[in-house]
């Protein structure tokens, strides 16, 4: 079995080195593959939340394993519902709370960047677009247009790794703590 795999890899490398134009040969197929991320494996690695399968299935899988809710918190995973243009849904990890209606997320495979999908985007803006301010619909930064998109995507909510559901007060405390920490870091630097 190992011999067959080794032979297949060698054959693929040979075909790629012959078939690719000179400028493209500098990047190997392995390097290209290692830079492509689907949202779910990236979110699992980045957040530490151990759920698997299609992104939209994470919400039901989390029941009984992780706390779930509608308030954003740093480190929580935002779970998007599956819709026609996003058949598997999407997941993104909250990296910062900016205000009660704006957060930053780090996620993969959302925007097309330099003509490629599967890129990781760090600290991109997500806006609560729900009519009831409950984070049930969101708009997301889209790199090709360099702003938050116009589509309001339906979401299930947030999955919390540590089992604690934040309340509005907790979210504000987290934001205050982050601001204080950032201020101290700037003073020290």
N, C-alpha and C. Protein backbone atom coordinates (compact mmCIF):
# COMPACT_ATOMS: atom_id res chain seq x y z
N UNK A 1 0.83 -1.19 0.00
CA UNK A 1 0.00 0.00 0.00
C UNK A 1 0.87 1.25 0.00
N UNK A 2 1.88 1.32 0.87
CA UNK A 2 2.76 2.48 0.95
C UNK A 2 3.49 2.68 -0.37
N UNK A 3 3.86 1.56 -1.03
CA UNK A 3 4.56 1.65 -2.31
C UNK A 3 3.65 2.27 -3.36
N UNK A 4 2.37 1.86 -3.38
CA UNK A 4 1.43 2.42 -4.35
C UNK A 4 1.22 3.91 -4.13
N UNK A 5 1.12 4.32 -2.88
CA UNK A 5 0.94 5.74 -2.57
C UNK A 5 2.17 6.52 -2.99
N UNK A 6 3.34 6.01 -2.65
CA UNK A 6 4.59 6.66 -3.03
C UNK A 6 4.73 6.78 -4.53
N UNK A 7 4.36 5.73 -5.26
CA UNK A 7 4.42 5.75 -6.71
C UNK A 7 3.46 6.78 -7.28
N UNK A 8 2.25 6.86 -6.71
CA UNK A 8 1.25 7.83 -7.18
C UNK A 8 1.72 9.26 -6.95
N UNK A 9 2.31 9.51 -5.79
CA UNK A 9 2.81 10.85 -5.48
C UNK A 9 3.94 11.22 -6.43
N UNK A 10 4.85 10.29 -6.67
CA UNK A 10 5.96 10.55 -7.59
C UNK A 10 5.46 10.82 -9.00
N UNK A 11 4.47 10.06 -9.45
CA UNK A 11 3.91 10.26 -10.79
C UNK A 11 3.24 11.62 -10.88
N UNK A 12 2.49 12.00 -9.86
CA UNK A 12 1.83 13.29 -9.84
C UNK A 12 2.85 14.42 -9.87
N UNK A 13 3.90 14.29 -9.09
CA UNK A 13 4.96 15.31 -9.07
C UNK A 13 5.61 15.44 -10.44
N UNK A 14 5.84 14.33 -11.11
CA UNK A 14 6.45 14.34 -12.44
C UNK A 14 5.54 15.02 -13.44
N UNK A 15 4.26 14.65 -13.43
CA UNK A 15 3.30 15.26 -14.35
C UNK A 15 3.21 16.76 -14.10
N UNK A 16 3.14 17.17 -12.85
CA UNK A 16 3.02 18.59 -12.52
C UNK A 16 4.26 19.36 -12.91
N UNK A 17 5.42 18.79 -12.72
CA UNK A 17 6.64 19.52 -13.04
C UNK A 17 6.80 19.67 -14.55
N UNK A 18 6.27 18.75 -15.32
CA UNK A 18 6.35 18.85 -16.77
C UNK A 18 5.24 19.74 -17.30
N UNK A 19 4.04 19.62 -16.75
CA UNK A 19 2.87 20.30 -17.29
C UNK A 19 2.79 21.77 -16.89
N UNK A 20 3.40 22.16 -15.77
CA UNK A 20 3.27 23.53 -15.32
C UNK A 20 4.26 24.45 -16.03
N UNK A 21 3.83 25.65 -16.35
CA UNK A 21 4.77 26.61 -16.94
C UNK A 21 5.85 26.97 -15.94
N UNK A 22 6.97 27.49 -16.44
CA UNK A 22 8.13 27.79 -15.60
C UNK A 22 7.82 28.59 -14.36
N UNK A 23 7.02 29.63 -14.46
CA UNK A 23 6.73 30.48 -13.30
C UNK A 23 5.94 29.73 -12.24
N UNK A 24 5.10 28.81 -12.65
CA UNK A 24 4.27 28.07 -11.69
C UNK A 24 5.03 26.95 -11.01
N UNK A 25 6.14 26.52 -11.57
CA UNK A 25 6.89 25.41 -10.97
C UNK A 25 7.49 25.76 -9.62
N UNK A 26 7.65 27.03 -9.33
CA UNK A 26 8.26 27.43 -8.06
C UNK A 26 7.39 27.02 -6.87
N UNK A 27 6.10 26.84 -7.10
CA UNK A 27 5.19 26.43 -6.02
C UNK A 27 4.75 25.00 -6.29
N UNK A 28 4.98 24.11 -5.34
CA UNK A 28 4.60 22.72 -5.54
C UNK A 28 3.12 22.52 -5.27
N UNK A 29 2.60 21.42 -5.73
CA UNK A 29 1.20 21.08 -5.48
C UNK A 29 0.96 20.97 -3.97
N UNK A 30 1.88 20.40 -3.23
CA UNK A 30 1.75 20.27 -1.78
C UNK A 30 1.61 21.62 -1.10
N UNK A 31 2.37 22.62 -1.57
CA UNK A 31 2.26 23.96 -0.99
C UNK A 31 0.89 24.57 -1.28
N UNK A 32 0.39 24.37 -2.49
CA UNK A 32 -0.94 24.90 -2.82
C UNK A 32 -2.01 24.25 -1.95
N UNK A 33 -1.96 22.94 -1.80
CA UNK A 33 -2.96 22.22 -1.02
C UNK A 33 -2.90 22.65 0.44
N UNK A 34 -1.70 22.83 0.98
CA UNK A 34 -1.59 23.16 2.40
C UNK A 34 -2.14 24.55 2.70
N UNK A 35 -2.28 25.42 1.69
CA UNK A 35 -2.81 26.75 1.92
C UNK A 35 -4.32 26.81 1.73
N UNK A 36 -4.98 25.78 1.30
CA UNK A 36 -6.42 25.79 1.06
C UNK A 36 -7.13 25.25 2.29
N UNK A 37 -8.05 26.02 2.84
CA UNK A 37 -8.79 25.60 4.02
C UNK A 37 -10.29 25.62 3.73
N UNK A 38 -10.99 24.61 4.19
CA UNK A 38 -12.44 24.66 4.29
C UNK A 38 -12.75 25.32 5.64
N UNK A 39 -13.93 25.91 5.77
CA UNK A 39 -14.23 26.65 7.00
C UNK A 39 -14.30 25.76 8.23
N UNK A 40 -14.90 24.57 8.12
CA UNK A 40 -15.10 23.73 9.31
C UNK A 40 -13.78 23.21 9.90
N UNK A 41 -12.89 22.61 9.11
CA UNK A 41 -11.62 22.17 9.72
C UNK A 41 -10.82 23.34 10.28
N UNK A 42 -10.87 24.49 9.60
CA UNK A 42 -10.14 25.65 10.13
C UNK A 42 -10.73 26.10 11.46
N UNK A 43 -12.06 26.21 11.53
CA UNK A 43 -12.70 26.64 12.78
C UNK A 43 -12.42 25.65 13.91
N UNK A 44 -12.42 24.37 13.60
CA UNK A 44 -12.12 23.36 14.63
C UNK A 44 -10.71 23.57 15.16
N UNK A 45 -9.75 23.76 14.28
CA UNK A 45 -8.36 23.96 14.70
C UNK A 45 -8.17 25.29 15.43
N UNK A 46 -8.81 26.33 14.93
CA UNK A 46 -8.63 27.67 15.49
C UNK A 46 -9.35 27.85 16.82
N UNK A 47 -10.56 27.30 16.94
CA UNK A 47 -11.37 27.51 18.15
C UNK A 47 -11.17 26.43 19.20
N UNK A 48 -10.78 25.24 18.77
CA UNK A 48 -10.68 24.12 19.70
C UNK A 48 -11.99 23.39 19.91
N UNK A 49 -13.06 23.83 19.28
CA UNK A 49 -14.35 23.15 19.38
C UNK A 49 -14.31 21.92 18.48
N UNK A 50 -14.47 20.77 19.08
CA UNK A 50 -14.27 19.51 18.38
C UNK A 50 -15.58 18.97 17.79
N UNK A 51 -16.02 19.59 16.71
CA UNK A 51 -17.18 19.12 15.96
C UNK A 51 -16.72 18.86 14.53
N UNK A 52 -17.44 18.00 13.83
CA UNK A 52 -16.99 17.56 12.51
C UNK A 52 -18.14 17.61 11.52
N UNK A 53 -17.82 17.49 10.25
CA UNK A 53 -18.85 17.45 9.21
C UNK A 53 -19.17 18.82 8.69
N UNK A 54 -20.27 18.90 7.92
CA UNK A 54 -20.69 20.15 7.31
C UNK A 54 -20.90 21.22 8.38
N UNK A 55 -20.53 22.43 8.04
CA UNK A 55 -20.60 23.53 9.00
C UNK A 55 -21.99 23.70 9.61
N UNK A 56 -23.03 23.64 8.79
CA UNK A 56 -24.39 23.84 9.30
C UNK A 56 -24.79 22.76 10.31
N UNK A 57 -24.17 21.59 10.23
CA UNK A 57 -24.51 20.50 11.15
C UNK A 57 -23.91 20.71 12.54
N UNK A 58 -22.99 21.65 12.68
CA UNK A 58 -22.35 21.88 13.98
C UNK A 58 -23.37 22.29 15.04
N UNK A 59 -24.40 23.03 14.66
CA UNK A 59 -25.36 23.52 15.65
C UNK A 59 -26.02 22.36 16.38
N UNK A 60 -26.54 21.41 15.63
CA UNK A 60 -27.20 20.25 16.26
C UNK A 60 -26.19 19.35 16.97
N UNK A 61 -25.00 19.21 16.40
CA UNK A 61 -23.97 18.39 17.04
C UNK A 61 -23.55 18.96 18.39
N UNK A 62 -23.60 20.27 18.54
CA UNK A 62 -23.14 20.92 19.77
C UNK A 62 -24.09 20.69 20.94
N UNK A 63 -25.35 20.37 20.65
CA UNK A 63 -26.34 20.18 21.71
C UNK A 63 -25.86 19.12 22.70
N UNK A 64 -25.79 19.49 23.96
CA UNK A 64 -25.35 18.57 25.01
C UNK A 64 -23.84 18.49 25.17
N UNK A 65 -23.08 19.04 24.21
CA UNK A 65 -21.61 19.01 24.30
C UNK A 65 -21.04 20.38 24.63
N UNK A 66 -21.65 21.41 24.06
CA UNK A 66 -21.17 22.78 24.22
C UNK A 66 -22.37 23.68 24.50
N UNK A 67 -22.13 24.76 25.21
CA UNK A 67 -23.19 25.76 25.41
C UNK A 67 -23.43 26.47 24.09
N UNK A 68 -24.67 26.90 23.89
CA UNK A 68 -25.06 27.58 22.66
C UNK A 68 -25.89 28.80 23.03
N UNK A 69 -25.83 29.82 22.19
CA UNK A 69 -26.64 31.00 22.46
C UNK A 69 -26.59 32.01 21.34
N UNK A 70 -27.17 33.17 21.61
CA UNK A 70 -27.26 34.20 20.58
C UNK A 70 -26.38 35.42 20.86
N UNK A 71 -25.54 35.36 21.88
CA UNK A 71 -24.65 36.47 22.19
C UNK A 71 -23.22 36.13 21.76
N UNK A 72 -22.58 37.02 21.02
CA UNK A 72 -21.20 36.74 20.62
C UNK A 72 -20.25 36.80 21.81
N UNK A 73 -19.18 36.02 21.74
CA UNK A 73 -18.12 36.03 22.75
C UNK A 73 -16.82 35.64 22.07
N UNK A 74 -15.71 36.23 22.47
CA UNK A 74 -14.43 35.85 21.88
C UNK A 74 -14.19 34.34 22.01
N UNK A 75 -13.80 33.72 20.92
CA UNK A 75 -13.54 32.28 20.90
C UNK A 75 -14.75 31.44 20.54
N UNK A 76 -15.94 32.03 20.56
CA UNK A 76 -17.15 31.29 20.18
C UNK A 76 -17.18 31.10 18.67
N UNK A 77 -17.88 30.07 18.23
CA UNK A 77 -18.03 29.81 16.80
C UNK A 77 -19.43 30.22 16.37
N UNK A 78 -19.50 31.09 15.37
CA UNK A 78 -20.75 31.52 14.77
C UNK A 78 -21.12 30.51 13.69
N UNK A 79 -22.33 29.93 13.77
CA UNK A 79 -22.75 28.88 12.83
C UNK A 79 -23.81 29.43 11.89
N UNK A 80 -23.49 29.43 10.60
CA UNK A 80 -24.40 29.89 9.56
C UNK A 80 -25.27 28.73 9.10
N UNK A 81 -26.53 29.02 8.81
CA UNK A 81 -27.44 28.00 8.28
C UNK A 81 -27.09 27.70 6.82
N UNK A 82 -27.43 26.50 6.38
CA UNK A 82 -27.26 26.14 4.98
C UNK A 82 -28.35 26.84 4.17
N UNK A 83 -27.94 27.47 3.08
CA UNK A 83 -28.89 28.08 2.15
C UNK A 83 -28.44 27.72 0.74
N UNK A 84 -29.20 28.09 -0.25
CA UNK A 84 -28.89 27.72 -1.64
C UNK A 84 -27.48 28.04 -2.07
N UNK A 85 -27.00 29.25 -1.77
CA UNK A 85 -25.66 29.65 -2.19
C UNK A 85 -24.57 29.13 -1.25
N UNK A 86 -24.98 28.54 -0.13
CA UNK A 86 -24.04 28.04 0.87
C UNK A 86 -24.60 26.72 1.40
N UNK A 87 -24.55 25.69 0.56
CA UNK A 87 -25.24 24.43 0.86
C UNK A 87 -24.77 23.73 2.12
N UNK A 88 -23.53 23.96 2.54
CA UNK A 88 -23.01 23.32 3.75
C UNK A 88 -22.99 24.26 4.94
N UNK A 89 -23.50 25.47 4.76
CA UNK A 89 -23.42 26.45 5.83
C UNK A 89 -22.02 27.03 5.91
N UNK A 90 -21.70 27.62 7.04
CA UNK A 90 -20.39 28.21 7.25
C UNK A 90 -20.17 28.34 8.75
N UNK A 91 -18.93 28.31 9.18
CA UNK A 91 -18.58 28.57 10.58
C UNK A 91 -17.42 29.55 10.62
N UNK A 92 -17.44 30.43 11.62
CA UNK A 92 -16.41 31.44 11.79
C UNK A 92 -16.19 31.64 13.29
N UNK A 93 -14.96 31.87 13.69
CA UNK A 93 -14.63 32.04 15.10
C UNK A 93 -14.55 33.52 15.45
N UNK A 94 -15.25 33.90 16.52
CA UNK A 94 -15.26 35.29 16.97
C UNK A 94 -13.88 35.62 17.53
N UNK A 95 -13.26 36.66 16.98
CA UNK A 95 -11.96 37.07 17.48
C UNK A 95 -12.02 38.36 18.30
N UNK A 96 -13.12 39.12 18.13
CA UNK A 96 -13.22 40.37 18.89
C UNK A 96 -14.67 40.86 18.86
N UNK A 97 -15.09 41.47 19.94
CA UNK A 97 -16.38 42.14 19.98
C UNK A 97 -16.10 43.64 19.84
N UNK A 98 -16.66 44.24 18.81
CA UNK A 98 -16.44 45.67 18.56
C UNK A 98 -17.54 46.49 19.23
N UNK A 99 -18.79 46.04 19.08
CA UNK A 99 -19.93 46.71 19.71
C UNK A 99 -21.05 45.68 19.84
N UNK A 100 -22.22 46.13 20.27
CA UNK A 100 -23.32 45.18 20.43
C UNK A 100 -23.83 44.65 19.09
N UNK A 101 -23.48 45.30 17.97
CA UNK A 101 -23.95 44.86 16.66
C UNK A 101 -22.81 44.54 15.69
N UNK A 102 -21.57 44.64 16.14
CA UNK A 102 -20.43 44.38 15.25
C UNK A 102 -19.40 43.53 15.98
N UNK A 103 -18.95 42.48 15.29
CA UNK A 103 -17.87 41.63 15.81
C UNK A 103 -16.83 41.46 14.71
N UNK A 104 -15.70 40.93 15.09
CA UNK A 104 -14.67 40.52 14.14
C UNK A 104 -14.57 39.01 14.24
N UNK A 105 -14.38 38.35 13.10
CA UNK A 105 -14.21 36.90 13.08
C UNK A 105 -12.97 36.55 12.30
N UNK A 106 -12.45 35.38 12.58
CA UNK A 106 -11.39 34.79 11.79
C UNK A 106 -11.98 33.52 11.21
N UNK A 107 -11.89 33.38 9.88
CA UNK A 107 -12.51 32.23 9.22
C UNK A 107 -11.79 31.92 7.92
N UNK A 108 -12.20 30.83 7.31
CA UNK A 108 -11.57 30.39 6.06
C UNK A 108 -12.63 30.14 4.99
N UNK A 109 -12.20 30.28 3.76
CA UNK A 109 -12.99 29.92 2.58
C UNK A 109 -14.27 30.76 2.45
N UNK A 110 -14.15 32.07 2.71
CA UNK A 110 -15.29 32.96 2.51
C UNK A 110 -15.07 33.81 1.25
N UNK A 111 -14.06 34.65 1.27
CA UNK A 111 -13.79 35.54 0.15
C UNK A 111 -12.89 34.87 -0.89
N UNK A 112 -13.02 35.34 -2.09
CA UNK A 112 -12.05 34.99 -3.14
C UNK A 112 -10.94 36.02 -3.02
N UNK A 113 -9.73 35.55 -2.76
CA UNK A 113 -8.59 36.44 -2.58
C UNK A 113 -7.53 36.05 -3.60
N UNK A 114 -7.07 37.02 -4.36
CA UNK A 114 -6.10 36.77 -5.43
C UNK A 114 -6.56 35.65 -6.35
N UNK A 115 -7.86 35.60 -6.60
CA UNK A 115 -8.42 34.61 -7.52
C UNK A 115 -8.62 33.22 -6.93
N UNK A 116 -8.40 33.06 -5.63
CA UNK A 116 -8.48 31.73 -5.01
C UNK A 116 -9.43 31.70 -3.82
N UNK A 117 -10.13 30.61 -3.66
CA UNK A 117 -10.93 30.34 -2.47
C UNK A 117 -10.03 29.62 -1.47
N UNK A 118 -10.55 29.38 -0.28
CA UNK A 118 -9.83 28.60 0.72
C UNK A 118 -8.85 29.40 1.54
N UNK A 119 -8.89 30.71 1.42
CA UNK A 119 -7.97 31.56 2.16
C UNK A 119 -8.49 31.82 3.58
N UNK A 120 -7.57 32.04 4.48
CA UNK A 120 -7.92 32.41 5.85
C UNK A 120 -7.97 33.93 5.92
N UNK A 121 -9.03 34.44 6.53
CA UNK A 121 -9.17 35.89 6.74
C UNK A 121 -9.22 36.13 8.24
N UNK A 122 -8.38 37.05 8.70
CA UNK A 122 -8.27 37.32 10.13
C UNK A 122 -8.97 38.63 10.48
N UNK A 123 -9.77 38.60 11.53
CA UNK A 123 -10.41 39.79 12.07
C UNK A 123 -11.22 40.57 11.03
N UNK A 124 -12.13 39.87 10.36
CA UNK A 124 -13.00 40.54 9.40
C UNK A 124 -14.32 40.91 10.08
N UNK A 125 -14.94 41.95 9.59
CA UNK A 125 -16.14 42.49 10.20
C UNK A 125 -17.38 41.67 9.88
N UNK A 126 -18.18 41.42 10.92
CA UNK A 126 -19.50 40.80 10.78
C UNK A 126 -20.48 41.72 11.51
N UNK A 127 -21.58 42.04 10.84
CA UNK A 127 -22.56 42.97 11.39
C UNK A 127 -23.87 42.22 11.64
N UNK A 128 -24.44 42.43 12.81
CA UNK A 128 -25.76 41.88 13.13
C UNK A 128 -26.78 42.62 12.26
N UNK A 129 -27.42 41.90 11.35
CA UNK A 129 -28.39 42.51 10.43
C UNK A 129 -29.81 42.05 10.76
N UNK A 130 -29.99 41.48 11.94
CA UNK A 130 -31.31 40.97 12.31
C UNK A 130 -32.21 42.12 12.75
N UNK A 131 -33.50 42.03 12.43
CA UNK A 131 -34.42 43.11 12.81
C UNK A 131 -34.60 43.25 14.33
N UNK A 132 -34.38 42.17 15.07
CA UNK A 132 -34.58 42.20 16.53
C UNK A 132 -33.28 42.29 17.32
N UNK A 133 -32.18 42.61 16.65
CA UNK A 133 -30.86 42.70 17.31
C UNK A 133 -30.50 41.41 18.04
N UNK A 134 -30.79 40.27 17.44
CA UNK A 134 -30.56 38.98 18.11
C UNK A 134 -29.53 38.09 17.42
N UNK A 135 -28.78 38.64 16.48
CA UNK A 135 -27.74 37.90 15.77
C UNK A 135 -28.31 36.70 15.00
N UNK A 136 -29.54 36.78 14.52
CA UNK A 136 -30.10 35.68 13.73
C UNK A 136 -29.81 35.85 12.24
N UNK A 137 -29.36 37.03 11.82
CA UNK A 137 -28.96 37.31 10.44
C UNK A 137 -27.74 38.22 10.50
N UNK A 138 -26.75 37.92 9.65
CA UNK A 138 -25.53 38.72 9.66
C UNK A 138 -25.08 39.06 8.25
N UNK A 139 -24.36 40.17 8.15
CA UNK A 139 -23.68 40.57 6.92
C UNK A 139 -22.19 40.46 7.20
N UNK A 140 -21.43 40.01 6.20
CA UNK A 140 -20.01 39.68 6.39
C UNK A 140 -19.13 40.45 5.40
N UNK A 141 -17.98 40.90 5.89
CA UNK A 141 -16.96 41.54 5.05
C UNK A 141 -16.62 40.60 3.90
N UNK A 142 -16.53 41.16 2.70
CA UNK A 142 -16.20 40.36 1.51
C UNK A 142 -15.04 41.05 0.80
N UNK A 143 -13.89 40.40 0.78
CA UNK A 143 -12.65 41.00 0.29
C UNK A 143 -12.74 41.55 -1.14
N UNK A 144 -13.38 40.87 -2.10
CA UNK A 144 -13.39 41.41 -3.46
C UNK A 144 -14.02 42.81 -3.58
N UNK A 145 -14.95 43.16 -2.70
CA UNK A 145 -15.56 44.49 -2.77
C UNK A 145 -15.01 45.42 -1.68
N UNK A 146 -14.17 44.88 -0.80
CA UNK A 146 -13.53 45.64 0.27
C UNK A 146 -14.52 46.33 1.21
N UNK A 147 -15.63 45.63 1.49
CA UNK A 147 -16.60 46.14 2.46
C UNK A 147 -17.53 45.01 2.87
N UNK A 148 -18.39 45.30 3.82
CA UNK A 148 -19.39 44.32 4.26
C UNK A 148 -20.38 44.13 3.11
N UNK A 149 -20.68 42.87 2.82
CA UNK A 149 -21.59 42.57 1.73
C UNK A 149 -23.03 42.96 2.05
N UNK A 150 -23.89 42.86 1.04
CA UNK A 150 -25.29 43.27 1.21
C UNK A 150 -26.20 42.12 1.63
N UNK A 151 -25.76 40.88 1.46
CA UNK A 151 -26.58 39.73 1.82
C UNK A 151 -26.61 39.54 3.33
N UNK A 152 -27.81 39.36 3.87
CA UNK A 152 -27.97 39.06 5.29
C UNK A 152 -28.16 37.56 5.42
N UNK A 153 -27.14 36.86 5.89
CA UNK A 153 -27.16 35.40 6.00
C UNK A 153 -27.83 34.96 7.29
N UNK A 154 -28.69 33.93 7.21
CA UNK A 154 -29.30 33.40 8.44
C UNK A 154 -28.29 32.57 9.22
N UNK A 155 -28.28 32.73 10.53
CA UNK A 155 -27.37 31.96 11.38
C UNK A 155 -28.17 31.31 12.51
N UNK A 156 -27.60 30.20 13.04
CA UNK A 156 -28.19 29.55 14.21
C UNK A 156 -27.84 30.31 15.48
N UNK A 157 -26.58 30.69 15.60
CA UNK A 157 -26.10 31.36 16.80
C UNK A 157 -24.65 31.01 17.04
N UNK A 158 -24.25 31.08 18.32
CA UNK A 158 -22.86 30.89 18.72
C UNK A 158 -22.71 29.63 19.57
N UNK A 159 -21.61 28.91 19.34
CA UNK A 159 -21.23 27.76 20.16
C UNK A 159 -20.04 28.21 21.00
N UNK A 160 -20.12 27.97 22.32
CA UNK A 160 -19.10 28.42 23.25
C UNK A 160 -18.25 27.25 23.71
N UNK A 161 -16.96 27.38 23.59
CA UNK A 161 -16.05 26.29 23.94
C UNK A 161 -16.04 25.99 25.43
N UNK A 162 -15.99 27.01 26.26
CA UNK A 162 -15.81 26.79 27.69
C UNK A 162 -17.10 26.45 28.43
N UNK A 163 -18.22 26.38 27.72
CA UNK A 163 -19.47 26.00 28.35
C UNK A 163 -20.23 27.13 29.00
N UNK A 164 -19.69 28.34 28.95
CA UNK A 164 -20.37 29.47 29.57
C UNK A 164 -21.07 30.30 28.50
N UNK A 165 -22.36 30.49 28.71
CA UNK A 165 -23.11 31.37 27.81
C UNK A 165 -22.91 32.79 28.27
N UNK A 166 -22.45 33.66 27.39
CA UNK A 166 -22.32 35.05 27.81
C UNK A 166 -23.69 35.73 27.86
N UNK A 167 -23.82 36.66 28.75
CA UNK A 167 -25.00 37.51 28.78
C UNK A 167 -24.57 38.85 28.20
N UNK A 168 -25.48 39.75 28.04
CA UNK A 168 -25.11 41.07 27.53
C UNK A 168 -24.05 41.69 28.44
N UNK A 169 -24.18 41.51 29.74
CA UNK A 169 -23.19 42.03 30.70
C UNK A 169 -21.83 41.37 30.52
N UNK A 170 -21.82 40.05 30.34
CA UNK A 170 -20.56 39.34 30.13
C UNK A 170 -19.87 39.82 28.87
N UNK A 171 -20.64 40.01 27.79
CA UNK A 171 -20.05 40.46 26.53
C UNK A 171 -19.42 41.84 26.72
N UNK A 172 -20.11 42.73 27.44
CA UNK A 172 -19.56 44.06 27.70
C UNK A 172 -18.30 43.97 28.56
N UNK A 173 -18.32 43.06 29.56
CA UNK A 173 -17.13 42.88 30.40
C UNK A 173 -15.97 42.35 29.58
N UNK A 174 -16.25 41.38 28.68
CA UNK A 174 -15.20 40.84 27.82
C UNK A 174 -14.61 41.96 26.96
N UNK A 175 -15.49 42.80 26.41
CA UNK A 175 -15.04 43.91 25.56
C UNK A 175 -14.19 44.88 26.38
N UNK A 176 -14.62 45.21 27.61
CA UNK A 176 -13.86 46.12 28.47
C UNK A 176 -12.50 45.53 28.80
N UNK A 177 -12.48 44.24 29.10
CA UNK A 177 -11.22 43.57 29.43
C UNK A 177 -10.28 43.59 28.23
N UNK A 178 -10.82 43.34 27.03
CA UNK A 178 -9.98 43.37 25.83
C UNK A 178 -9.42 44.76 25.59
N UNK A 179 -10.26 45.79 25.77
CA UNK A 179 -9.83 47.16 25.56
C UNK A 179 -8.73 47.53 26.56
N UNK A 180 -8.93 47.16 27.84
CA UNK A 180 -7.93 47.44 28.87
C UNK A 180 -6.62 46.71 28.56
N UNK A 181 -6.74 45.46 28.14
CA UNK A 181 -5.55 44.67 27.80
C UNK A 181 -4.79 45.30 26.63
N UNK A 182 -5.52 45.74 25.61
CA UNK A 182 -4.90 46.36 24.44
C UNK A 182 -4.21 47.65 24.83
N UNK A 183 -4.83 48.43 25.72
CA UNK A 183 -4.24 49.69 26.20
C UNK A 183 -2.94 49.41 26.95
N UNK A 184 -2.96 48.41 27.83
CA UNK A 184 -1.76 48.05 28.59
C UNK A 184 -0.65 47.57 27.66
N UNK A 185 -1.03 46.80 26.64
CA UNK A 185 -0.05 46.28 25.68
C UNK A 185 0.60 47.45 24.93
N UNK A 186 -0.22 48.44 24.51
CA UNK A 186 0.31 49.59 23.81
C UNK A 186 1.25 50.39 24.69
N UNK A 187 0.90 50.56 25.98
CA UNK A 187 1.76 51.30 26.90
C UNK A 187 3.09 50.58 27.09
N UNK A 188 3.04 49.24 27.19
CA UNK A 188 4.25 48.46 27.41
C UNK A 188 5.16 48.46 26.17
N UNK A 189 4.54 48.53 24.98
CA UNK A 189 5.28 48.43 23.72
C UNK A 189 5.94 49.68 23.38
